[in-house]
Amino acid sequence: MYPLGRLSSATLSFLNKVGGGSYTYISHSHVGSSRVFASHKYAHSLKAVKNAQLTHKSINCLTPSTLSAAPPRFRSLCCCVGGDPMGPESHPSQDDRISRIASTIRVIPDFPKPGVMFQDITTMLLDPKAFKDTIDLFVERYKGKDISVVAGVEARGFIFGPPIALAIGAKFVPMRKPGKLPGEVISEEYSLEYGTDKMEMHVGAVEAGERAIVIDDLIATGGTLCAAIKLLERVGVQVVECACLIELPELKGRERLCDNPLFVLIKSA
């Protein structure tokens, strides 16, 4: 079971649209309600209990074409539970390459400060097979999906973004810290544990209506990814998904992304 949290009006509208058969309304209290989904020949039951929970079965009844019309937050949760807005063939959880990639990433305790378990990807970069497999997994997911922008978050997003962009025929747009980009920029401020920071992007780097993915090596609290998303959306770009090699689930960065789907290869224990 996966906690959905409070259902938005957009999600409720979507459920009403794809729901079939006899069902009871999913109330905002989420207590004791149920719905029957019907998508083409599929029909499964989704139980909405306290805090609303989704089962693996209830997600798998929805086809990728149906999910494409769902609100982003709902699509993101479907991806977490087992469905996938990019299509079932692009979900790598059972791919043997994942375990190999994970085995090449070392953990450095107490770096850069006491209590932090630093996920060091430099050891993965020393392994050409693991590095290639990492790039290939992202390319396989996004190739042919009409992505025209790969936005890489400073600094390690610059490692993964360019080869992915080249392979899928997209442009690479660097998202940098203040004072690093020459020329005119737009900026977005985001909060840190102590204080604030900014993310900047060149004016004119992207155009309204383009479809983008945002790439970084790791999601922790989600602050930099959230700032990158806001920068792109401010100029009319559709952020299709955020993609990271590693997620630190205990820091709940996924929640900070709100309605934006997140795809990760490895979840750190």
C-alpha atoms as a PDB file:
ATOM      1  CA  MET A   1       0.000   0.000   0.000  1.00  0.00           C
ATOM      2  CA  TYR A   2       1.236   3.504  -0.835  1.00  0.00           C
ATOM      3  CA  PRO A   3       0.007   6.598   1.045  1.00  0.00           C
ATOM      4  CA  LEU A   4      -1.527   9.078  -1.368  1.00  0.00           C
ATOM      5  CA  GLY A   5      -2.328  11.850   1.064  1.00  0.00           C
ATOM      6  CA  ARG A   6      -5.112  14.345   0.398  1.00  0.00           C
ATOM      7  CA  LEU A   7      -6.671  13.875  -3.034  1.00  0.00           C
ATOM      8  CA  SER A   8      -6.745  17.061  -5.087  1.00  0.00           C
ATOM      9  CA  SER A   9      -9.840  18.167  -6.996  1.00  0.00           C
ATOM     10  CA  ALA A  10      -7.943  17.424 -10.230  1.00  0.00           C
ATOM     11  CA  THR A  11      -7.295  13.845  -9.113  1.00  0.00           C
ATOM     12  CA  LEU A  12     -10.903  13.369  -8.050  1.00  0.00           C
ATOM     13  CA  SER A  13     -12.037  14.653 -11.433  1.00  0.00           C
ATOM     14  CA  PHE A  14      -9.700  12.206 -13.162  1.00  0.00           C
ATOM     15  CA  LEU A  15     -10.968   9.275 -11.047  1.00  0.00           C
ATOM     16  CA  ASN A  16     -14.552  10.200 -11.882  1.00  0.00           C
ATOM     17  CA  LYS A  17     -13.660  10.233 -15.587  1.00  0.00           C
ATOM     18  CA  VAL A  18     -12.012   6.764 -15.673  1.00  0.00           C
ATOM     19  CA  GLY A  19     -14.177   5.132 -13.012  1.00  0.00           C
ATOM     20  CA  GLY A  20     -16.625   2.500 -14.174  1.00  0.00           C
ATOM     21  CA  GLY A  21     -19.279   0.166 -12.753  1.00  0.00           C
ATOM     22  CA  SER A  22     -20.867   0.863  -9.411  1.00  0.00           C
ATOM     23  CA  TYR A  23     -18.805   2.753  -6.895  1.00  0.00           C
ATOM     24  CA  THR A  24     -19.010   5.020  -3.899  1.00  0.00           C
ATOM     25  CA  TYR A  25     -17.639   8.522  -3.977  1.00  0.00           C
ATOM     26  CA  ILE A  26     -14.100   9.026  -2.639  1.00  0.00           C
ATOM     27  CA  SER A  27     -14.773  11.629  -0.003  1.00  0.00           C
ATOM     28  CA  HIS A  28     -12.190  14.118   1.252  1.00  0.00           C
ATOM     29  CA  SER A  29     -12.160  12.251   4.579  1.00  0.00           C
ATOM     30  CA  HIS A  30     -10.935   9.143   2.678  1.00  0.00           C
ATOM     31  CA  VAL A  31     -12.601   6.834   5.200  1.00  0.00           C
ATOM     32  CA  GLY A  32     -14.257   3.630   4.053  1.00  0.00           C
ATOM     33  CA  SER A  33     -14.708   4.623   0.416  1.00  0.00           C
ATOM     34  CA  SER A  34     -14.032   2.479  -2.625  1.00  0.00           C
ATOM     35  CA  ARG A  35     -14.050   2.816  -6.377  1.00  0.00           C
ATOM     36  CA  VAL A  36     -14.035   0.451  -9.312  1.00  0.00           C
ATOM     37  CA  PHE A  37     -11.635   1.433 -12.075  1.00  0.00           C
ATOM     38  CA  ALA A  38     -12.384   0.500 -15.667  1.00  0.00           C
ATOM     39  CA  SER A  39      -9.771   1.125 -18.337  1.00  0.00           C
ATOM     40  CA  HIS A  40     -10.534  -0.715 -21.574  1.00  0.00           C
ATOM     41  CA  LYS A  41     -10.745  -4.400 -20.588  1.00  0.00           C
ATOM     42  CA  TYR A  42      -9.249  -3.879 -17.118  1.00  0.00           C
ATOM     43  CA  ALA A  43     -11.247  -3.452 -13.928  1.00  0.00           C
ATOM     44  CA  HIS A  44      -9.894  -3.462 -10.388  1.00  0.00           C
ATOM     45  CA  SER A  45     -10.918  -2.035  -7.050  1.00  0.00           C
ATOM     46  CA  LEU A  46      -9.097   0.786  -5.297  1.00  0.00           C
ATOM     47  CA  LYS A  47      -9.729   1.160  -1.586  1.00  0.00           C
ATOM     48  CA  ALA A  48      -9.545   4.673  -0.211  1.00  0.00           C
ATOM     49  CA  VAL A  49      -8.967   4.348   3.523  1.00  0.00           C
ATOM     50  CA  LYS A  50      -7.661   6.855   6.016  1.00  0.00           C
ATOM     51  CA  ASN A  51      -5.009   9.041   4.272  1.00  0.00           C
ATOM     52  CA  ALA A  52      -5.953   7.284   1.008  1.00  0.00           C
ATOM     53  CA  GLN A  53      -3.859   4.294  -0.026  1.00  0.00           C
ATOM     54  CA  LEU A  54      -3.224   2.769  -3.425  1.00  0.00           C
ATOM     55  CA  THR A  55      -2.644  -0.911  -4.030  1.00  0.00           C
ATOM     56  CA  HIS A  56      -0.367  -2.329  -6.710  1.00  0.00           C
ATOM     57  CA  LYS A  57      -3.362  -3.984  -8.396  1.00  0.00           C
ATOM     58  CA  SER A  58      -5.384  -0.806  -8.576  1.00  0.00           C
ATOM     59  CA  ILE A  59      -2.539   0.960 -10.372  1.00  0.00           C
ATOM     60  CA  ASN A  60      -1.809  -1.777 -12.883  1.00  0.00           C
ATOM     61  CA  CYS A  61      -5.382  -1.609 -14.187  1.00  0.00           C
ATOM     62  CA  LEU A  62      -4.600   1.786 -15.702  1.00  0.00           C
ATOM     63  CA  THR A  63      -2.980   1.816 -19.123  1.00  0.00           C
ATOM     64  CA  PRO A  64      -0.214   4.326 -20.010  1.00  0.00           C
ATOM     65  CA  SER A  65      -2.571   6.140 -22.371  1.00  0.00           C
ATOM     66  CA  THR A  66      -5.123   6.544 -19.583  1.00  0.00           C
ATOM     67  CA  LEU A  67      -2.480   7.676 -17.106  1.00  0.00           C
ATOM     68  CA  SER A  68      -1.249  10.353 -19.499  1.00  0.00           C
ATOM     69  CA  ALA A  69      -4.478  12.265 -18.810  1.00  0.00           C
ATOM     70  CA  ALA A  70      -4.062  12.058 -15.033  1.00  0.00           C
ATOM     71  CA  PRO A  71      -2.854  14.911 -12.807  1.00  0.00           C
ATOM     72  CA  PRO A  72       0.977  14.871 -12.407  1.00  0.00           C
ATOM     73  CA  ARG A  73       0.861  13.985  -8.695  1.00  0.00           C
ATOM     74  CA  PHE A  74      -1.307  10.938  -9.429  1.00  0.00           C
ATOM     75  CA  ARG A  75       1.028   9.827 -12.260  1.00  0.00           C
ATOM     76  CA  SER A  76       4.014  10.187  -9.948  1.00  0.00           C
ATOM     77  CA  LEU A  77       2.392   7.970  -7.316  1.00  0.00           C
ATOM     78  CA  CYS A  78       1.495   5.400  -9.947  1.00  0.00           C
ATOM     79  CA  CYS A  79       5.170   5.272 -10.905  1.00  0.00           C
ATOM     80  CA  CYS A  80       6.113   4.711  -7.241  1.00  0.00           C
ATOM     81  CA  VAL A  81       3.616   1.895  -6.739  1.00  0.00           C
ATOM     82  CA  GLY A  82       4.315   0.002  -9.917  1.00  0.00           C
ATOM     83  CA  GLY A  83       2.574   1.711 -12.797  1.00  0.00           C
ATOM     84  CA  ASP A  84       4.530   4.073 -14.988  1.00  0.00           C
ATOM     85  CA  PRO A  85       3.421   7.068 -17.057  1.00  0.00           C
ATOM     86  CA  MET A  86       6.294   6.392 -19.470  1.00  0.00           C
ATOM     87  CA  GLY A  87       4.971   2.905 -20.141  1.00  0.00           C
ATOM     88  CA  PRO A  88       5.589  -0.480 -18.468  1.00  0.00           C
ATOM     89  CA  GLU A  89       8.558  -1.305 -20.664  1.00  0.00           C
ATOM     90  CA  SER A  90      10.512   1.628 -19.212  1.00  0.00           C
ATOM     91  CA  HIS A  91      10.350   0.624 -15.549  1.00  0.00           C
ATOM     92  CA  PRO A  92      13.795  -0.755 -14.545  1.00  0.00           C
ATOM     93  CA  SER A  93      13.131  -2.166 -11.078  1.00  0.00           C
ATOM     94  CA  GLN A  94      13.809  -5.750 -12.226  1.00  0.00           C
ATOM     95  CA  ASP A  95      16.734  -4.845 -14.484  1.00  0.00           C
ATOM     96  CA  ASP A  96      19.970  -6.671 -13.601  1.00  0.00           C
ATOM     97  CA  ARG A  97      21.948  -3.536 -14.419  1.00  0.00           C
ATOM     98  CA  ILE A  98      20.545  -1.764 -11.362  1.00  0.00           C
ATOM     99  CA  SER A  99      22.286  -4.015  -8.827  1.00  0.00           C
ATOM    100  CA  ARG A 100      25.572  -3.693 -10.695  1.00  0.00           C
ATOM    101  CA  ILE A 101      25.348   0.094 -10.714  1.00  0.00           C
ATOM    102  CA  ALA A 102      24.469   0.150  -6.999  1.00  0.00           C
ATOM    103  CA  SER A 103      27.478  -2.023  -6.173  1.00  0.00           C
ATOM    104  CA  THR A 104      29.863   0.549  -7.680  1.00  0.00           C
ATOM    105  CA  ILE A 105      28.637   3.469  -5.539  1.00  0.00           C
ATOM    106  CA  ARG A 106      30.487   3.818  -2.253  1.00  0.00           C
ATOM    107  CA  VAL A 107      29.226   5.440   0.930  1.00  0.00           C
ATOM    108  CA  ILE A 108      31.560   7.793   2.831  1.00  0.00           C
ATOM    109  CA  PRO A 109      30.460   8.279   6.455  1.00  0.00           C
ATOM    110  CA  ASP A 110      30.628  11.702   8.124  1.00  0.00           C
ATOM    111  CA  PHE A 111      31.251  13.636   4.895  1.00  0.00           C
ATOM    112  CA  PRO A 112      31.047  16.568   4.387  1.00  0.00           C
ATOM    113  CA  LYS A 113      30.031  16.835   8.046  1.00  0.00           C
ATOM    114  CA  PRO A 114      29.415  14.435  10.959  1.00  0.00           C
ATOM    115  CA  GLY A 115      26.295  12.296  10.609  1.00  0.00           C
ATOM    116  CA  VAL A 116      26.111  12.510   6.810  1.00  0.00           C
ATOM    117  CA  MET A 117      26.444   9.293   4.796  1.00  0.00           C
ATOM    118  CA  PHE A 118      27.767  10.642   1.494  1.00  0.00           C
ATOM    119  CA  GLN A 119      26.796   8.755  -1.667  1.00  0.00           C
ATOM    120  CA  ASP A 120      29.980   8.884  -3.754  1.00  0.00           C
ATOM    121  CA  ILE A 121      29.314   8.302  -7.456  1.00  0.00           C
ATOM    122  CA  THR A 122      32.938   8.872  -8.495  1.00  0.00           C
ATOM    123  CA  THR A 123      33.637   5.158  -8.026  1.00  0.00           C
ATOM    124  CA  MET A 124      30.799   4.387 -10.440  1.00  0.00           C
ATOM    125  CA  LEU A 125      32.337   6.755 -12.989  1.00  0.00           C
ATOM    126  CA  LEU A 126      35.557   4.704 -12.799  1.00  0.00           C
ATOM    127  CA  ASP A 127      33.621   1.674 -14.048  1.00  0.00           C
ATOM    128  CA  PRO A 128      32.842   2.256 -17.747  1.00  0.00           C
ATOM    129  CA  LYS A 129      30.248  -0.551 -17.854  1.00  0.00           C
ATOM    130  CA  ALA A 130      28.331   0.768 -14.843  1.00  0.00           C
ATOM    131  CA  PHE A 131      28.509   4.344 -16.145  1.00  0.00           C
ATOM    132  CA  LYS A 132      27.258   3.282 -19.581  1.00  0.00           C
ATOM    133  CA  ASP A 133      24.460   1.202 -18.053  1.00  0.00           C
ATOM    134  CA  THR A 134      23.337   4.224 -16.019  1.00  0.00           C
ATOM    135  CA  ILE A 135      23.158   6.453 -19.087  1.00  0.00           C
ATOM    136  CA  ASP A 136      21.496   3.685 -21.126  1.00  0.00           C
ATOM    137  CA  LEU A 137      18.722   3.215 -18.553  1.00  0.00           C
ATOM    138  CA  PHE A 138      17.799   6.885 -18.696  1.00  0.00           C
ATOM    139  CA  VAL A 139      18.072   6.989 -22.491  1.00  0.00           C
ATOM    140  CA  GLU A 140      15.824   3.922 -22.839  1.00  0.00           C
ATOM    141  CA  ARG A 141      13.232   5.668 -20.688  1.00  0.00           C
ATOM    142  CA  TYR A 142      13.164   8.992 -22.524  1.00  0.00           C
ATOM    143  CA  LYS A 143      14.055   8.203 -26.138  1.00  0.00           C
ATOM    144  CA  GLY A 144      11.099   8.723 -28.449  1.00  0.00           C
ATOM    145  CA  LYS A 145       9.094  10.578 -25.772  1.00  0.00           C
ATOM    146  CA  ASP A 146       9.261  14.000 -27.473  1.00  0.00           C
ATOM    147  CA  ILE A 147      11.686  15.444 -24.910  1.00  0.00           C
ATOM    148  CA  SER A 148      13.422  18.533 -26.315  1.00  0.00           C
ATOM    149  CA  VAL A 149      15.197  19.767 -23.163  1.00  0.00           C
ATOM    150  CA  VAL A 150      17.440  17.987 -20.677  1.00  0.00           C
ATOM    151  CA  ALA A 151      18.071  20.380 -17.778  1.00  0.00           C
ATOM    152  CA  GLY A 152      21.045  19.409 -15.617  1.00  0.00           C
ATOM    153  CA  VAL A 153      21.361  20.622 -12.029  1.00  0.00           C
ATOM    154  CA  GLU A 154      24.808  21.794 -10.903  1.00  0.00           C
ATOM    155  CA  ALA A 155      27.068  20.072 -10.513  1.00  0.00           C
ATOM    156  CA  ARG A 156      26.681  16.347 -10.963  1.00  0.00           C
ATOM    157  CA  GLY A 157      23.657  16.775 -13.192  1.00  0.00           C
ATOM    158  CA  PHE A 158      26.243  17.968 -15.710  1.00  0.00           C
ATOM    159  CA  ILE A 159      27.768  14.473 -15.732  1.00  0.00           C
ATOM    160  CA  PHE A 160      24.577  12.655 -16.702  1.00  0.00           C
ATOM    161  CA  GLY A 161      22.653  15.318 -18.612  1.00  0.00           C
ATOM    162  CA  PRO A 162      24.806  15.864 -21.744  1.00  0.00           C
ATOM    163  CA  PRO A 163      25.153  12.201 -22.821  1.00  0.00           C
ATOM    164  CA  ILE A 164      21.435  11.637 -22.234  1.00  0.00           C
ATOM    165  CA  ALA A 165      20.563  14.770 -24.231  1.00  0.00           C
ATOM    166  CA  LEU A 166      22.792  13.724 -27.151  1.00  0.00           C
ATOM    167  CA  ALA A 167      21.340  10.209 -27.220  1.00  0.00           C
ATOM    168  CA  ILE A 168      17.694  11.329 -27.278  1.00  0.00           C
ATOM    169  CA  GLY A 169      18.222  14.282 -29.629  1.00  0.00           C
ATOM    170  CA  ALA A 170      17.565  17.018 -27.060  1.00  0.00           C
ATOM    171  CA  LYS A 171      19.466  20.129 -26.028  1.00  0.00           C
ATOM    172  CA  PHE A 172      21.254  20.321 -22.684  1.00  0.00           C
ATOM    173  CA  VAL A 173      20.495  23.301 -20.442  1.00  0.00           C
ATOM    174  CA  PRO A 174      22.730  23.858 -17.385  1.00  0.00           C
ATOM    175  CA  MET A 175      21.014  25.036 -14.197  1.00  0.00           C
ATOM    176  CA  ARG A 176      23.704  26.813 -12.190  1.00  0.00           C
ATOM    177  CA  LYS A 177      24.404  28.539  -8.899  1.00  0.00           C
ATOM    178  CA  PRO A 178      24.529  32.369  -8.833  1.00  0.00           C
ATOM    179  CA  GLY A 179      27.308  34.124 -10.733  1.00  0.00           C
ATOM    180  CA  LYS A 180      28.364  31.102 -12.817  1.00  0.00           C
ATOM    181  CA  LEU A 181      26.498  31.844 -16.060  1.00  0.00           C
ATOM    182  CA  PRO A 182      27.560  34.780 -18.278  1.00  0.00           C
ATOM    183  CA  GLY A 183      24.920  36.916 -19.910  1.00  0.00           C
ATOM    184  CA  GLU A 184      21.299  37.483 -18.887  1.00  0.00           C
ATOM    185  CA  VAL A 185      19.771  34.948 -16.519  1.00  0.00           C
ATOM    186  CA  ILE A 186      16.590  34.295 -14.595  1.00  0.00           C
ATOM    187  CA  SER A 187      16.832  32.971 -11.061  1.00  0.00           C
ATOM    188  CA  GLU A 188      14.804  31.077  -8.479  1.00  0.00           C
ATOM    189  CA  GLU A 189      15.486  31.202  -4.757  1.00  0.00           C
ATOM    190  CA  TYR A 190      15.116  28.085  -2.622  1.00  0.00           C
ATOM    191  CA  SER A 191      15.548  27.335   1.066  1.00  0.00           C
ATOM    192  CA  LEU A 192      18.370  25.382   2.681  1.00  0.00           C
ATOM    193  CA  GLU A 193      18.642  23.980   6.188  1.00  0.00           C
ATOM    194  CA  TYR A 194      20.230  27.299   7.171  1.00  0.00           C
ATOM    195  CA  GLY A 195      19.462  30.199   4.848  1.00  0.00           C
ATOM    196  CA  THR A 196      18.701  30.289   1.135  1.00  0.00           C
ATOM    197  CA  ASP A 197      20.383  29.794  -2.227  1.00  0.00           C
ATOM    198  CA  LYS A 198      19.526  30.465  -5.882  1.00  0.00           C
ATOM    199  CA  MET A 199      19.361  28.501  -9.122  1.00  0.00           C
ATOM    200  CA  GLU A 200      19.934  30.317 -12.423  1.00  0.00           C
ATOM    201  CA  MET A 201      19.281  29.619 -16.107  1.00  0.00           C
ATOM    202  CA  HIS A 202      20.125  31.569 -19.249  1.00  0.00           C
ATOM    203  CA  VAL A 203      17.355  33.714 -20.710  1.00  0.00           C
ATOM    204  CA  GLY A 204      16.394  32.240 -24.084  1.00  0.00           C
ATOM    205  CA  ALA A 205      17.802  28.771 -23.361  1.00  0.00           C
ATOM    206  CA  VAL A 206      14.320  27.228 -23.577  1.00  0.00           C
ATOM    207  CA  GLU A 207      11.047  28.138 -25.242  1.00  0.00           C
ATOM    208  CA  ALA A 208       7.448  27.975 -24.071  1.00  0.00           C
ATOM    209  CA  GLY A 209       5.805  24.672 -24.983  1.00  0.00           C
ATOM    210  CA  GLU A 210       8.976  22.582 -24.891  1.00  0.00           C
ATOM    211  CA  ARG A 211       9.008  19.312 -22.940  1.00  0.00           C
ATOM    212  CA  ALA A 212      11.810  18.863 -20.416  1.00  0.00           C
ATOM    213  CA  ILE A 213      13.303  16.426 -17.955  1.00  0.00           C
ATOM    214  CA  VAL A 214      15.408  17.619 -15.015  1.00  0.00           C
ATOM    215  CA  ILE A 215      18.483  15.526 -14.199  1.00  0.00           C
ATOM    216  CA  ASP A 216      20.599  15.299 -11.053  1.00  0.00           C
ATOM    217  CA  ASP A 217      22.667  12.556  -9.464  1.00  0.00           C
ATOM    218  CA  LEU A 218      20.732  12.468  -6.191  1.00  0.00           C
ATOM    219  CA  ILE A 219      17.594  13.775  -4.536  1.00  0.00           C
ATOM    220  CA  ALA A 220      17.855  14.523  -0.834  1.00  0.00           C
ATOM    221  CA  THR A 221      15.589  17.331   0.430  1.00  0.00           C
ATOM    222  CA  GLY A 222      14.503  18.239  -3.116  1.00  0.00           C
ATOM    223  CA  GLY A 223      15.297  21.966  -2.891  1.00  0.00           C
ATOM    224  CA  THR A 224      17.470  22.266  -6.009  1.00  0.00           C
ATOM    225  CA  LEU A 225      15.167  20.124  -8.138  1.00  0.00           C
ATOM    226  CA  CYS A 226      12.169  22.167  -7.046  1.00  0.00           C
ATOM    227  CA  ALA A 227      13.962  25.408  -7.979  1.00  0.00           C
ATOM    228  CA  ALA A 228      14.895  23.998 -11.402  1.00  0.00           C
ATOM    229  CA  ILE A 229      11.287  22.971 -12.032  1.00  0.00           C
ATOM    230  CA  LYS A 230      10.007  26.441 -11.110  1.00  0.00           C
ATOM    231  CA  LEU A 231      12.531  28.124 -13.420  1.00  0.00           C
ATOM    232  CA  LEU A 232      11.427  26.021 -16.392  1.00  0.00           C
ATOM    233  CA  GLU A 233       7.721  26.371 -15.661  1.00  0.00           C
ATOM    234  CA  ARG A 234       8.025  30.158 -15.332  1.00  0.00           C
ATOM    235  CA  VAL A 235       8.922  30.369 -19.017  1.00  0.00           C
ATOM    236  CA  GLY A 236       6.224  27.932 -20.140  1.00  0.00           C
ATOM    237  CA  VAL A 237       8.191  24.691 -20.352  1.00  0.00           C
ATOM    238  CA  GLN A 238       6.399  21.463 -19.458  1.00  0.00           C
ATOM    239  CA  VAL A 239       8.475  19.459 -16.966  1.00  0.00           C
ATOM    240  CA  VAL A 240       7.667  15.860 -17.835  1.00  0.00           C
ATOM    241  CA  GLU A 241       9.701  14.285 -15.057  1.00  0.00           C
ATOM    242  CA  CYS A 242      12.667  14.648 -12.723  1.00  0.00           C
ATOM    243  CA  ALA A 243      15.269  11.885 -12.911  1.00  0.00           C
ATOM    244  CA  CYS A 244      17.989  10.963 -10.424  1.00  0.00           C
ATOM    245  CA  LEU A 245      20.401   8.114  -9.986  1.00  0.00           C
ATOM    246  CA  ILE A 246      19.890   7.947  -6.202  1.00  0.00           C
ATOM    247  CA  GLU A 247      17.096   8.867  -3.788  1.00  0.00           C
ATOM    248  CA  LEU A 248      17.454   9.315  -0.024  1.00  0.00           C
ATOM    249  CA  PRO A 249      13.834   8.527   0.954  1.00  0.00           C
ATOM    250  CA  GLU A 250      14.252   9.457   4.626  1.00  0.00           C
ATOM    251  CA  LEU A 251      14.776  13.123   3.652  1.00  0.00           C
ATOM    252  CA  LYS A 252      11.396  13.208   1.859  1.00  0.00           C
ATOM    253  CA  GLY A 253      12.579  15.231  -1.122  1.00  0.00           C
ATOM    254  CA  ARG A 254       9.943  13.543  -3.300  1.00  0.00           C
ATOM    255  CA  GLU A 255       7.209  15.244  -1.273  1.00  0.00           C
ATOM    256  CA  ARG A 256       8.754  18.664  -1.902  1.00  0.00           C
ATOM    257  CA  LEU A 257       8.353  18.184  -5.652  1.00  0.00           C
ATOM    258  CA  CYS A 258       4.569  18.368  -5.173  1.00  0.00           C
ATOM    259  CA  ASP A 259       2.858  17.422  -8.444  1.00  0.00           C
ATOM    260  CA  ASN A 260       5.997  16.577 -10.416  1.00  0.00           C
ATOM    261  CA  PRO A 261       6.849  12.920 -11.157  1.00  0.00           C
ATOM    262  CA  LEU A 262      10.215  11.585  -9.998  1.00  0.00           C
ATOM    263  CA  PHE A 263      12.104   8.648 -11.501  1.00  0.00           C
ATOM    264  CA  VAL A 264      15.082   7.111  -9.669  1.00  0.00           C
ATOM    265  CA  LEU A 265      17.254   4.076 -10.303  1.00  0.00           C
ATOM    266  CA  ILE A 266      18.433   3.416  -6.739  1.00  0.00           C
ATOM    267  CA  LYS A 267      16.826   4.106  -3.371  1.00  0.00           C
ATOM    268  CA  SER A 268      19.426   4.352  -0.619  1.00  0.00           C
ATOM    269  CA  ALA A 269      18.698   2.283   2.488  1.00  0.00           C
END
